[in-house]
C-alpha atoms as a PDB file:
ATOM      1  CA  UNK A   1     155.384 212.716 282.476  1.00  0.00           C
ATOM      2  CA  UNK A   2     154.670 209.325 280.976  1.00  0.00           C
ATOM      3  CA  UNK A   3     152.029 209.954 278.324  1.00  0.00           C
ATOM      4  CA  UNK A   4     154.189 210.338 275.228  1.00  0.00           C
ATOM      5  CA  UNK A   5     156.644 207.652 276.293  1.00  0.00           C
ATOM      6  CA  UNK A   6     153.750 205.324 277.070  1.00  0.00           C
ATOM      7  CA  UNK A   7     152.298 205.905 273.611  1.00  0.00           C
ATOM      8  CA  UNK A   8     155.687 205.020 272.104  1.00  0.00           C
ATOM      9  CA  UNK A   9     156.003 201.898 274.211  1.00  0.00           C
ATOM     10  CA  UNK A  10     152.479 200.766 273.454  1.00  0.00           C
ATOM     11  CA  UNK A  11     153.737 199.317 270.167  1.00  0.00           C
ATOM     12  CA  UNK A  12     156.480 197.205 271.776  1.00  0.00           C
ATOM     13  CA  UNK A  13     156.599 193.506 271.131  1.00  0.00           C
ATOM     14  CA  UNK A  14     158.939 193.118 274.128  1.00  0.00           C
ATOM     15  CA  UNK A  15     160.515 195.328 276.772  1.00  0.00           C
ATOM     16  CA  UNK A  16     163.175 195.056 279.432  1.00  0.00           C
ATOM     17  CA  UNK A  17     163.872 197.447 282.266  1.00  0.00           C
ATOM     18  CA  UNK A  18     167.272 196.895 283.806  1.00  0.00           C
ATOM     19  CA  UNK A  19     168.345 197.316 287.410  1.00  0.00           C
ATOM     20  CA  UNK A  20     169.121 200.782 288.722  1.00  0.00           C
ATOM     21  CA  UNK A  21     172.565 202.350 288.786  1.00  0.00           C
ATOM     22  CA  UNK A  22     174.670 199.453 287.597  1.00  0.00           C
ATOM     23  CA  UNK A  23     176.798 201.903 285.618  1.00  0.00           C
ATOM     24  CA  UNK A  24     180.306 202.962 286.588  1.00  0.00           C
ATOM     25  CA  UNK A  25     182.029 205.999 285.070  1.00  0.00           C
ATOM     26  CA  UNK A  26     183.774 205.187 281.812  1.00  0.00           C
ATOM     27  CA  UNK A  27     187.498 205.417 281.249  1.00  0.00           C
ATOM     28  CA  UNK A  28     188.889 208.473 279.424  1.00  0.00           C
ATOM     29  CA  UNK A  29     189.290 206.406 276.239  1.00  0.00           C
ATOM     30  CA  UNK A  30     185.492 205.938 276.156  1.00  0.00           C
ATOM     31  CA  UNK A  31     184.789 209.581 276.786  1.00  0.00           C
ATOM     32  CA  UNK A  32     182.925 210.260 273.560  1.00  0.00           C
ATOM     33  CA  UNK A  33     180.245 212.904 273.376  1.00  0.00           C
ATOM     34  CA  UNK A  34     177.496 210.291 273.344  1.00  0.00           C
ATOM     35  CA  UNK A  35     175.038 212.859 274.611  1.00  0.00           C
ATOM     36  CA  UNK A  36     175.362 214.806 271.360  1.00  0.00           C
ATOM     37  CA  UNK A  37     173.134 212.518 269.331  1.00  0.00           C
ATOM     38  CA  UNK A  38     172.484 214.369 266.099  1.00  0.00           C
ATOM     39  CA  UNK A  39     173.986 211.715 263.791  1.00  0.00           C
ATOM     40  CA  UNK A  40     173.202 208.443 265.600  1.00  0.00           C
ATOM     41  CA  UNK A  41     170.604 206.412 263.666  1.00  0.00           C
ATOM     42  CA  UNK A  42     167.742 208.846 264.034  1.00  0.00           C
ATOM     43  CA  UNK A  43     168.096 209.030 267.824  1.00  0.00           C
ATOM     44  CA  UNK A  44     165.687 211.307 269.696  1.00  0.00           C
ATOM     45  CA  UNK A  45     165.808 212.546 273.289  1.00  0.00           C
ATOM     46  CA  UNK A  46     162.513 213.350 275.012  1.00  0.00           C
ATOM     47  CA  UNK A  47     162.277 215.205 278.317  1.00  0.00           C
ATOM     48  CA  UNK A  48     159.333 213.878 280.359  1.00  0.00           C
ATOM     49  CA  UNK A  49     158.240 216.105 283.244  1.00  0.00           C
ATOM     50  CA  UNK A  50     155.712 215.366 285.930  1.00  0.00           C
ATOM     51  CA  UNK A  51     154.802 218.643 287.635  1.00  0.00           C
ATOM     52  CA  UNK A  52     153.196 219.167 291.032  1.00  0.00           C
ATOM     53  CA  UNK A  53     150.817 221.760 289.606  1.00  0.00           C
ATOM     54  CA  UNK A  54     147.239 221.920 290.780  1.00  0.00           C
ATOM     55  CA  UNK A  55     146.472 224.833 288.478  1.00  0.00           C
ATOM     56  CA  UNK A  56     149.023 227.362 289.786  1.00  0.00           C
ATOM     57  CA  UNK A  57     150.899 229.530 287.237  1.00  0.00           C
ATOM     58  CA  UNK A  58     154.225 228.163 288.547  1.00  0.00           C
ATOM     59  CA  UNK A  59     155.017 224.674 289.801  1.00  0.00           C
ATOM     60  CA  UNK A  60     157.947 222.382 290.569  1.00  0.00           C
ATOM     61  CA  UNK A  61     158.859 219.282 288.594  1.00  0.00           C
ATOM     62  CA  UNK A  62     158.015 216.218 290.665  1.00  0.00           C
ATOM     63  CA  UNK A  63     159.598 213.832 288.135  1.00  0.00           C
ATOM     64  CA  UNK A  64     162.291 214.471 285.510  1.00  0.00           C
ATOM     65  CA  UNK A  65     163.016 211.679 283.039  1.00  0.00           C
ATOM     66  CA  UNK A  66     164.905 211.702 279.742  1.00  0.00           C
ATOM     67  CA  UNK A  67     163.836 208.979 277.313  1.00  0.00           C
ATOM     68  CA  UNK A  68     166.321 208.289 274.534  1.00  0.00           C
ATOM     69  CA  UNK A  69     164.760 206.441 271.599  1.00  0.00           C
ATOM     70  CA  UNK A  70     166.876 204.827 268.857  1.00  0.00           C
ATOM     71  CA  UNK A  71     164.451 203.553 266.185  1.00  0.00           C
ATOM     72  CA  UNK A  72     166.878 201.456 264.123  1.00  0.00           C
ATOM     73  CA  UNK A  73     168.181 199.698 267.221  1.00  0.00           C
ATOM     74  CA  UNK A  74     164.766 199.235 268.797  1.00  0.00           C
ATOM     75  CA  UNK A  75     165.954 200.640 272.148  1.00  0.00           C
ATOM     76  CA  UNK A  76     164.622 203.029 274.791  1.00  0.00           C
ATOM     77  CA  UNK A  77     166.956 204.290 277.512  1.00  0.00           C
ATOM     78  CA  UNK A  78     165.430 206.016 280.536  1.00  0.00           C
ATOM     79  CA  UNK A  79     167.484 208.456 282.617  1.00  0.00           C
ATOM     80  CA  UNK A  80     165.764 209.603 285.815  1.00  0.00           C
ATOM     81  CA  UNK A  81     167.274 212.839 287.126  1.00  0.00           C
ATOM     82  CA  UNK A  82     166.731 213.333 290.849  1.00  0.00           C
ATOM     83  CA  UNK A  83     164.839 216.577 291.360  1.00  0.00           C
ATOM     84  CA  UNK A  84     166.970 217.602 294.393  1.00  0.00           C
ATOM     85  CA  UNK A  85     170.260 217.424 292.462  1.00  0.00           C
ATOM     86  CA  UNK A  86     172.189 220.633 293.151  1.00  0.00           C
ATOM     87  CA  UNK A  87     173.054 222.108 289.745  1.00  0.00           C
ATOM     88  CA  UNK A  88     173.977 225.379 288.070  1.00  0.00           C
ATOM     89  CA  UNK A  89     170.911 227.054 286.557  1.00  0.00           C
ATOM     90  CA  UNK A  90     171.589 229.378 283.586  1.00  0.00           C
ATOM     91  CA  UNK A  91     170.750 233.015 284.391  1.00  0.00           C
ATOM     92  CA  UNK A  92     169.759 232.254 287.986  1.00  0.00           C
ATOM     93  CA  UNK A  93     170.841 234.958 290.440  1.00  0.00           C
ATOM     94  CA  UNK A  94     172.006 232.483 293.089  1.00  0.00           C
ATOM     95  CA  UNK A  95     173.838 230.313 290.584  1.00  0.00           C
ATOM     96  CA  UNK A  96     173.055 226.865 291.968  1.00  0.00           C
ATOM     97  CA  UNK A  97     169.846 225.297 293.223  1.00  0.00           C
ATOM     98  CA  UNK A  98     167.786 222.121 292.982  1.00  0.00           C
ATOM     99  CA  UNK A  99     167.204 220.863 289.457  1.00  0.00           C
ATOM    100  CA  UNK A 100     163.445 221.231 289.825  1.00  0.00           C
ATOM    101  CA  UNK A 101     163.889 224.933 290.625  1.00  0.00           C
ATOM    102  CA  UNK A 102     164.821 225.430 286.951  1.00  0.00           C
ATOM    103  CA  UNK A 103     161.353 224.249 285.937  1.00  0.00           C
ATOM    104  CA  UNK A 104     159.719 226.500 288.532  1.00  0.00           C
ATOM    105  CA  UNK A 105     161.607 229.549 287.211  1.00  0.00           C
ATOM    106  CA  UNK A 106     161.509 228.947 283.473  1.00  0.00           C
ATOM    107  CA  UNK A 107     159.402 225.902 282.621  1.00  0.00           C
ATOM    108  CA  UNK A 108     160.382 223.261 280.080  1.00  0.00           C
ATOM    109  CA  UNK A 109     162.866 225.441 278.205  1.00  0.00           C
ATOM    110  CA  UNK A 110     164.982 226.455 281.198  1.00  0.00           C
ATOM    111  CA  UNK A 111     164.955 222.878 282.467  1.00  0.00           C
ATOM    112  CA  UNK A 112     166.259 221.696 279.077  1.00  0.00           C
ATOM    113  CA  UNK A 113     169.023 224.319 279.147  1.00  0.00           C
ATOM    114  CA  UNK A 114     169.947 223.386 282.716  1.00  0.00           C
ATOM    115  CA  UNK A 115     170.222 219.694 281.830  1.00  0.00           C
ATOM    116  CA  UNK A 116     172.410 220.497 278.847  1.00  0.00           C
ATOM    117  CA  UNK A 117     174.685 222.867 280.764  1.00  0.00           C
ATOM    118  CA  UNK A 118     175.247 220.396 283.594  1.00  0.00           C
ATOM    119  CA  UNK A 119     175.149 217.022 281.861  1.00  0.00           C
ATOM    120  CA  UNK A 120     175.817 217.846 278.206  1.00  0.00           C
ATOM    121  CA  UNK A 121     172.641 216.111 277.064  1.00  0.00           C
ATOM    122  CA  UNK A 122     170.533 217.783 274.399  1.00  0.00           C
ATOM    123  CA  UNK A 123     166.757 217.352 274.356  1.00  0.00           C
ATOM    124  CA  UNK A 124     164.723 217.288 271.140  1.00  0.00           C
ATOM    125  CA  UNK A 125     161.237 217.522 272.600  1.00  0.00           C
ATOM    126  CA  UNK A 126     159.654 218.033 276.006  1.00  0.00           C
ATOM    127  CA  UNK A 127     156.375 216.846 277.480  1.00  0.00           C
ATOM    128  CA  UNK A 128     154.962 217.845 280.866  1.00  0.00           C
ATOM    129  CA  UNK A 129     151.901 216.609 282.742  1.00  0.00           C
ATOM    130  CA  UNK A 130     150.386 217.771 286.020  1.00  0.00           C
ATOM    131  CA  UNK A 131     148.631 215.758 288.724  1.00  0.00           C
ATOM    132  CA  UNK A 132     145.156 216.066 287.196  1.00  0.00           C
ATOM    133  CA  UNK A 133     146.419 215.140 283.737  1.00  0.00           C
ATOM    134  CA  UNK A 134     148.213 212.057 285.057  1.00  0.00           C
ATOM    135  CA  UNK A 135     145.110 210.778 286.852  1.00  0.00           C
ATOM    136  CA  UNK A 136     142.886 211.387 283.811  1.00  0.00           C
ATOM    137  CA  UNK A 137     145.336 209.678 281.453  1.00  0.00           C
ATOM    138  CA  UNK A 138     145.600 206.570 283.626  1.00  0.00           C
ATOM    139  CA  UNK A 139     141.811 206.309 283.695  1.00  0.00           C
ATOM    140  CA  UNK A 140     141.769 206.720 279.909  1.00  0.00           C
ATOM    141  CA  UNK A 141     144.101 203.816 279.208  1.00  0.00           C
ATOM    142  CA  UNK A 142     143.342 201.573 282.183  1.00  0.00           C
ATOM    143  CA  UNK A 143     139.742 202.027 283.373  1.00  0.00           C
ATOM    144  CA  UNK A 144     140.128 199.002 285.671  1.00  0.00           C
ATOM    145  CA  UNK A 145     143.362 200.343 287.155  1.00  0.00           C
ATOM    146  CA  UNK A 146     147.018 199.286 287.149  1.00  0.00           C
ATOM    147  CA  UNK A 147     148.180 196.618 289.596  1.00  0.00           C
ATOM    148  CA  UNK A 148     151.001 197.554 291.990  1.00  0.00           C
ATOM    149  CA  UNK A 149     152.169 196.489 295.446  1.00  0.00           C
ATOM    150  CA  UNK A 150     150.997 198.971 298.079  1.00  0.00           C
ATOM    151  CA  UNK A 151     152.663 199.158 301.505  1.00  0.00           C
ATOM    152  CA  UNK A 152     150.945 199.872 304.824  1.00  0.00           C
ATOM    153  CA  UNK A 153     153.107 202.988 305.220  1.00  0.00           C
ATOM    154  CA  UNK A 154     151.837 204.290 301.899  1.00  0.00           C
ATOM    155  CA  UNK A 155     148.229 203.578 302.876  1.00  0.00           C
ATOM    156  CA  UNK A 156     148.648 205.424 306.171  1.00  0.00           C
ATOM    157  CA  UNK A 157     150.435 208.368 304.579  1.00  0.00           C
ATOM    158  CA  UNK A 158     147.802 209.005 301.885  1.00  0.00           C
ATOM    159  CA  UNK A 159     144.761 207.519 303.682  1.00  0.00           C
ATOM    160  CA  UNK A 160     144.227 205.111 300.797  1.00  0.00           C
ATOM    161  CA  UNK A 161     141.146 202.889 300.920  1.00  0.00           C
ATOM    162  CA  UNK A 162     142.965 199.633 300.073  1.00  0.00           C
ATOM    163  CA  UNK A 163     144.682 196.784 301.908  1.00  0.00           C
ATOM    164  CA  UNK A 164     148.455 196.174 301.865  1.00  0.00           C
ATOM    165  CA  UNK A 165     149.670 194.097 298.918  1.00  0.00           C
ATOM    166  CA  UNK A 166     148.670 193.866 295.267  1.00  0.00           C
ATOM    167  CA  UNK A 167     145.985 196.387 294.271  1.00  0.00           C
ATOM    168  CA  UNK A 168     144.613 197.654 290.957  1.00  0.00           C
ATOM    169  CA  UNK A 169     144.859 201.419 291.402  1.00  0.00           C
ATOM    170  CA  UNK A 170     142.966 203.917 289.266  1.00  0.00           C
ATOM    171  CA  UNK A 171     144.264 207.352 288.303  1.00  0.00           C
ATOM    172  CA  UNK A 172     144.122 209.336 291.539  1.00  0.00           C
ATOM    173  CA  UNK A 173     145.242 206.417 293.698  1.00  0.00           C
ATOM    174  CA  UNK A 174     148.076 205.533 291.310  1.00  0.00           C
ATOM    175  CA  UNK A 175     149.215 209.162 291.509  1.00  0.00           C
ATOM    176  CA  UNK A 176     149.645 208.679 295.246  1.00  0.00           C
ATOM    177  CA  UNK A 177     151.655 205.528 294.584  1.00  0.00           C
ATOM    178  CA  UNK A 178     154.163 207.256 292.278  1.00  0.00           C
ATOM    179  CA  UNK A 179     154.436 210.305 294.565  1.00  0.00           C
ATOM    180  CA  UNK A 180     155.010 208.450 297.848  1.00  0.00           C
ATOM    181  CA  UNK A 181     158.429 209.089 299.419  1.00  0.00           C
ATOM    182  CA  UNK A 182     158.008 208.846 303.189  1.00  0.00           C
ATOM    183  CA  UNK A 183     159.902 205.614 303.732  1.00  0.00           C
ATOM    184  CA  UNK A 184     163.581 204.629 303.994  1.00  0.00           C
ATOM    185  CA  UNK A 185     164.095 204.997 300.222  1.00  0.00           C
ATOM    186  CA  UNK A 186     162.615 208.516 300.056  1.00  0.00           C
ATOM    187  CA  UNK A 187     162.922 210.072 296.566  1.00  0.00           C
ATOM    188  CA  UNK A 188     165.010 207.124 295.361  1.00  0.00           C
ATOM    189  CA  UNK A 189     162.070 204.783 295.903  1.00  0.00           C
ATOM    190  CA  UNK A 190     159.785 207.218 294.147  1.00  0.00           C
ATOM    191  CA  UNK A 191     162.009 207.141 291.055  1.00  0.00           C
ATOM    192  CA  UNK A 192     161.782 203.337 290.974  1.00  0.00           C
ATOM    193  CA  UNK A 193     157.995 203.483 291.184  1.00  0.00           C
ATOM    194  CA  UNK A 194     157.841 206.038 288.375  1.00  0.00           C
ATOM    195  CA  UNK A 195     159.804 203.719 286.105  1.00  0.00           C
ATOM    196  CA  UNK A 196     157.741 200.727 287.215  1.00  0.00           C
ATOM    197  CA  UNK A 197     154.535 202.518 286.225  1.00  0.00           C
ATOM    198  CA  UNK A 198     155.992 203.537 282.854  1.00  0.00           C
ATOM    199  CA  UNK A 199     156.542 199.870 282.022  1.00  0.00           C
ATOM    200  CA  UNK A 200     153.086 198.830 283.255  1.00  0.00           C
ATOM    201  CA  UNK A 201     151.407 201.593 281.263  1.00  0.00           C
ATOM    202  CA  UNK A 202     153.359 200.355 278.249  1.00  0.00           C
ATOM    203  CA  UNK A 203     151.837 196.902 278.745  1.00  0.00           C
ATOM    204  CA  UNK A 204     148.345 198.393 278.913  1.00  0.00           C
ATOM    205  CA  UNK A 205     148.898 200.253 275.659  1.00  0.00           C
ATOM    206  CA  UNK A 206     150.452 197.247 273.950  1.00  0.00           C
ATOM    207  CA  UNK A 207     147.290 195.283 274.732  1.00  0.00           C
ATOM    208  CA  UNK A 208     145.063 198.179 273.692  1.00  0.00           C
ATOM    209  CA  UNK A 209     146.667 198.532 270.236  1.00  0.00           C
ATOM    210  CA  UNK A 210     147.826 194.972 269.588  1.00  0.00           C
ATOM    211  CA  UNK A 211     145.469 194.334 266.650  1.00  0.00           C
ATOM    212  CA  UNK A 212     145.443 195.930 263.216  1.00  0.00           C
ATOM    213  CA  UNK A 213     141.820 197.041 263.565  1.00  0.00           C
ATOM    214  CA  UNK A 214     142.561 198.782 266.864  1.00  0.00           C
ATOM    215  CA  UNK A 215     145.277 200.918 265.246  1.00  0.00           C
ATOM    216  CA  UNK A 216     142.558 202.897 263.449  1.00  0.00           C
ATOM    217  CA  UNK A 217     141.679 204.416 266.837  1.00  0.00           C
ATOM    218  CA  UNK A 218     145.263 205.537 267.510  1.00  0.00           C
ATOM    219  CA  UNK A 219     144.970 209.095 266.065  1.00  0.00           C
ATOM    220  CA  UNK A 220     141.907 209.797 268.218  1.00  0.00           C
ATOM    221  CA  UNK A 221     143.676 208.341 271.244  1.00  0.00           C
ATOM    222  CA  UNK A 222     146.710 210.594 270.670  1.00  0.00           C
ATOM    223  CA  UNK A 223     144.440 213.631 270.314  1.00  0.00           C
ATOM    224  CA  UNK A 224     142.656 212.793 273.583  1.00  0.00           C
ATOM    225  CA  UNK A 225     145.997 212.244 275.330  1.00  0.00           C
ATOM    226  CA  UNK A 226     147.225 215.662 274.241  1.00  0.00           C
ATOM    227  CA  UNK A 227     144.403 217.246 276.240  1.00  0.00           C
ATOM    228  CA  UNK A 228     146.289 216.220 279.380  1.00  0.00           C
ATOM    229  CA  UNK A 229     149.799 217.387 278.515  1.00  0.00           C
ATOM    230  CA  UNK A 230     151.861 220.432 277.613  1.00  0.00           C
ATOM    231  CA  UNK A 231     154.224 219.569 274.771  1.00  0.00           C
ATOM    232  CA  UNK A 232     156.217 221.176 271.997  1.00  0.00           C
ATOM    233  CA  UNK A 233     155.007 218.362 269.696  1.00  0.00           C
ATOM    234  CA  UNK A 234     151.697 218.439 267.868  1.00  0.00           C
ATOM    235  CA  UNK A 235     149.536 215.489 266.879  1.00  0.00           C
ATOM    236  CA  UNK A 236     151.207 215.148 263.474  1.00  0.00           C
ATOM    237  CA  UNK A 237     154.686 214.995 264.975  1.00  0.00           C
ATOM    238  CA  UNK A 238     153.644 212.357 267.507  1.00  0.00           C
ATOM    239  CA  UNK A 239     152.047 210.214 264.807  1.00  0.00           C
ATOM    240  CA  UNK A 240     155.224 210.572 262.741  1.00  0.00           C
ATOM    241  CA  UNK A 241     157.248 209.159 265.617  1.00  0.00           C
ATOM    242  CA  UNK A 242     154.712 206.381 266.127  1.00  0.00           C
ATOM    243  CA  UNK A 243     155.021 205.386 262.489  1.00  0.00           C
ATOM    244  CA  UNK A 244     158.647 204.471 263.126  1.00  0.00           C
ATOM    245  CA  UNK A 245     157.446 201.788 265.512  1.00  0.00           C
ATOM    246  CA  UNK A 246     155.834 199.973 262.594  1.00  0.00           C
ATOM    247  CA  UNK A 247     159.245 199.517 261.007  1.00  0.00           C
ATOM    248  CA  UNK A 248     161.459 199.501 264.126  1.00  0.00           C
ATOM    249  CA  UNK A 249     159.649 197.802 267.051  1.00  0.00           C
ATOM    250  CA  UNK A 250     161.119 198.496 270.489  1.00  0.00           C
ATOM    251  CA  UNK A 251     163.010 195.502 271.865  1.00  0.00           C
ATOM    252  CA  UNK A 252     164.613 196.764 275.067  1.00  0.00           C
ATOM    253  CA  UNK A 253     164.149 199.304 277.831  1.00  0.00           C
ATOM    254  CA  UNK A 254     167.206 200.126 279.934  1.00  0.00           C
ATOM    255  CA  UNK A 255     167.355 202.588 282.843  1.00  0.00           C
ATOM    256  CA  UNK A 256     169.692 204.729 284.917  1.00  0.00           C
ATOM    257  CA  UNK A 257     169.269 207.059 287.880  1.00  0.00           C
ATOM    258  CA  UNK A 258     171.318 210.248 288.198  1.00  0.00           C
ATOM    259  CA  UNK A 259     173.089 210.701 290.564  1.00  0.00           C
ATOM    260  CA  UNK A 260     174.550 207.207 290.512  1.00  0.00           C
ATOM    261  CA  UNK A 261     175.536 205.444 293.719  1.00  0.00           C
ATOM    262  CA  UNK A 262     178.438 206.874 295.729  1.00  0.00           C
ATOM    263  CA  UNK A 263     178.507 210.077 293.661  1.00  0.00           C
ATOM    264  CA  UNK A 264     176.685 212.543 295.927  1.00  0.00           C
ATOM    265  CA  UNK A 265     176.439 213.838 299.477  1.00  0.00           C
ATOM    266  CA  UNK A 266     173.490 215.303 301.357  1.00  0.00           C
ATOM    267  CA  UNK A 267     173.890 219.022 301.974  1.00  0.00           C
ATOM    268  CA  UNK A 268     171.720 221.913 303.127  1.00  0.00           C
ATOM    269  CA  UNK A 269     171.855 225.484 301.852  1.00  0.00           C
ATOM    270  CA  UNK A 270     169.825 228.455 303.170  1.00  0.00           C
ATOM    271  CA  UNK A 271     168.293 229.330 299.791  1.00  0.00           C
ATOM    272  CA  UNK A 272     167.491 225.785 298.648  1.00  0.00           C
ATOM    273  CA  UNK A 273     167.132 223.554 301.702  1.00  0.00           C
ATOM    274  CA  UNK A 274     168.216 219.903 301.620  1.00  0.00           C
ATOM    275  CA  UNK A 275     169.916 218.958 298.340  1.00  0.00           C
ATOM    276  CA  UNK A 276     171.975 216.215 296.726  1.00  0.00           C
ATOM    277  CA  UNK A 277     175.383 217.742 296.017  1.00  0.00           C
ATOM    278  CA  UNK A 278     176.624 215.587 293.189  1.00  0.00           C
ATOM    279  CA  UNK A 279     180.014 214.768 291.738  1.00  0.00           C
ATOM    280  CA  UNK A 280     179.165 216.226 288.352  1.00  0.00           C
ATOM    281  CA  UNK A 281     182.080 214.716 286.421  1.00  0.00           C
ATOM    282  CA  UNK A 282     181.438 211.210 287.762  1.00  0.00           C
ATOM    283  CA  UNK A 283     177.782 211.454 286.786  1.00  0.00           C
ATOM    284  CA  UNK A 284     178.518 212.833 283.332  1.00  0.00           C
ATOM    285  CA  UNK A 285     180.898 209.925 282.736  1.00  0.00           C
ATOM    286  CA  UNK A 286     178.334 207.433 284.023  1.00  0.00           C
ATOM    287  CA  UNK A 287     175.702 208.943 281.747  1.00  0.00           C
ATOM    288  CA  UNK A 288     177.973 208.750 278.706  1.00  0.00           C
ATOM    289  CA  UNK A 289     178.903 205.163 279.512  1.00  0.00           C
ATOM    290  CA  UNK A 290     175.235 204.229 279.899  1.00  0.00           C
ATOM    291  CA  UNK A 291     174.318 205.757 276.534  1.00  0.00           C
ATOM    292  CA  UNK A 292     177.245 204.092 274.765  1.00  0.00           C
ATOM    293  CA  UNK A 293     176.588 200.665 276.295  1.00  0.00           C
ATOM    294  CA  UNK A 294     174.488 198.290 274.164  1.00  0.00           C
ATOM    295  CA  UNK A 295     171.098 197.584 275.705  1.00  0.00           C
ATOM    296  CA  UNK A 296     170.745 194.131 277.298  1.00  0.00           C
ATOM    297  CA  UNK A 297     168.362 191.537 275.907  1.00  0.00           C
ATOM    298  CA  UNK A 298     166.002 189.203 277.725  1.00  0.00           C
ATOM    299  CA  UNK A 299     166.546 190.930 281.057  1.00  0.00           C
ATOM    300  CA  UNK A 300     163.754 190.838 283.599  1.00  0.00           C
ATOM    301  CA  UNK A 301     162.248 193.995 285.089  1.00  0.00           C
ATOM    302  CA  UNK A 302     163.730 195.137 288.413  1.00  0.00           C
ATOM    303  CA  UNK A 303     162.126 197.868 290.512  1.00  0.00           C
END
């Protein structure tokens, strides 16, 4: 889910990831269609999908993130959509189900349609990566691993061969870190770890391509990265986007989780199991407010 975004962020001179869910629904006077982005300074929306596939023909989406990139403002906004959100799926016989069921039924395209129908947010391009691809990509960009704080509960759950605390995890171990959800925070904690790893991968890539001479290797790096993903973008399109970073460096990274706080209840349905039944209007307003709000500057990362 993070390959293309990580490549984008690798050219950042600075980055800031804000705290989660500090957005309140906007007032009716602010209720612009900010999710319809076709005329806003070259804005692009990318759907980043981490699937739980181990080679099966169908799989569920383990992570669903929309990255909105505004080149002329130098901003990235990350919207993490909880996979258990109970939404209406276009053409689905039962009508409503978990958001990740849309990916299982119809892949990237149906997931894009489902996001648009429920949240009004259009997606320009989609990128998906499975477990094996994630592990291989991490080893490609960070052969020595990425340092994160590992809990004893996580170690016990996945039988990880590390001690509690700060550890440099390589691909397969880092996959366990971003997938872990068997603590009090459950899927909400997993979303925070996904966004944490996005930022840390960005730092790895910034270091990797921080010198003019190293940029010559970028096309080959993009081509190698594409071996691990399924995308509707080809190498030329990705390099075209990367070229914008030369002229419009990214300055800020801001983030939001959907559903926002106090906008959902836990429910169970026979056909879908445990779900998050969300207040759709409140979340659409929160999303619009988040996209309209200027990105903060000089804000520290919070996970």
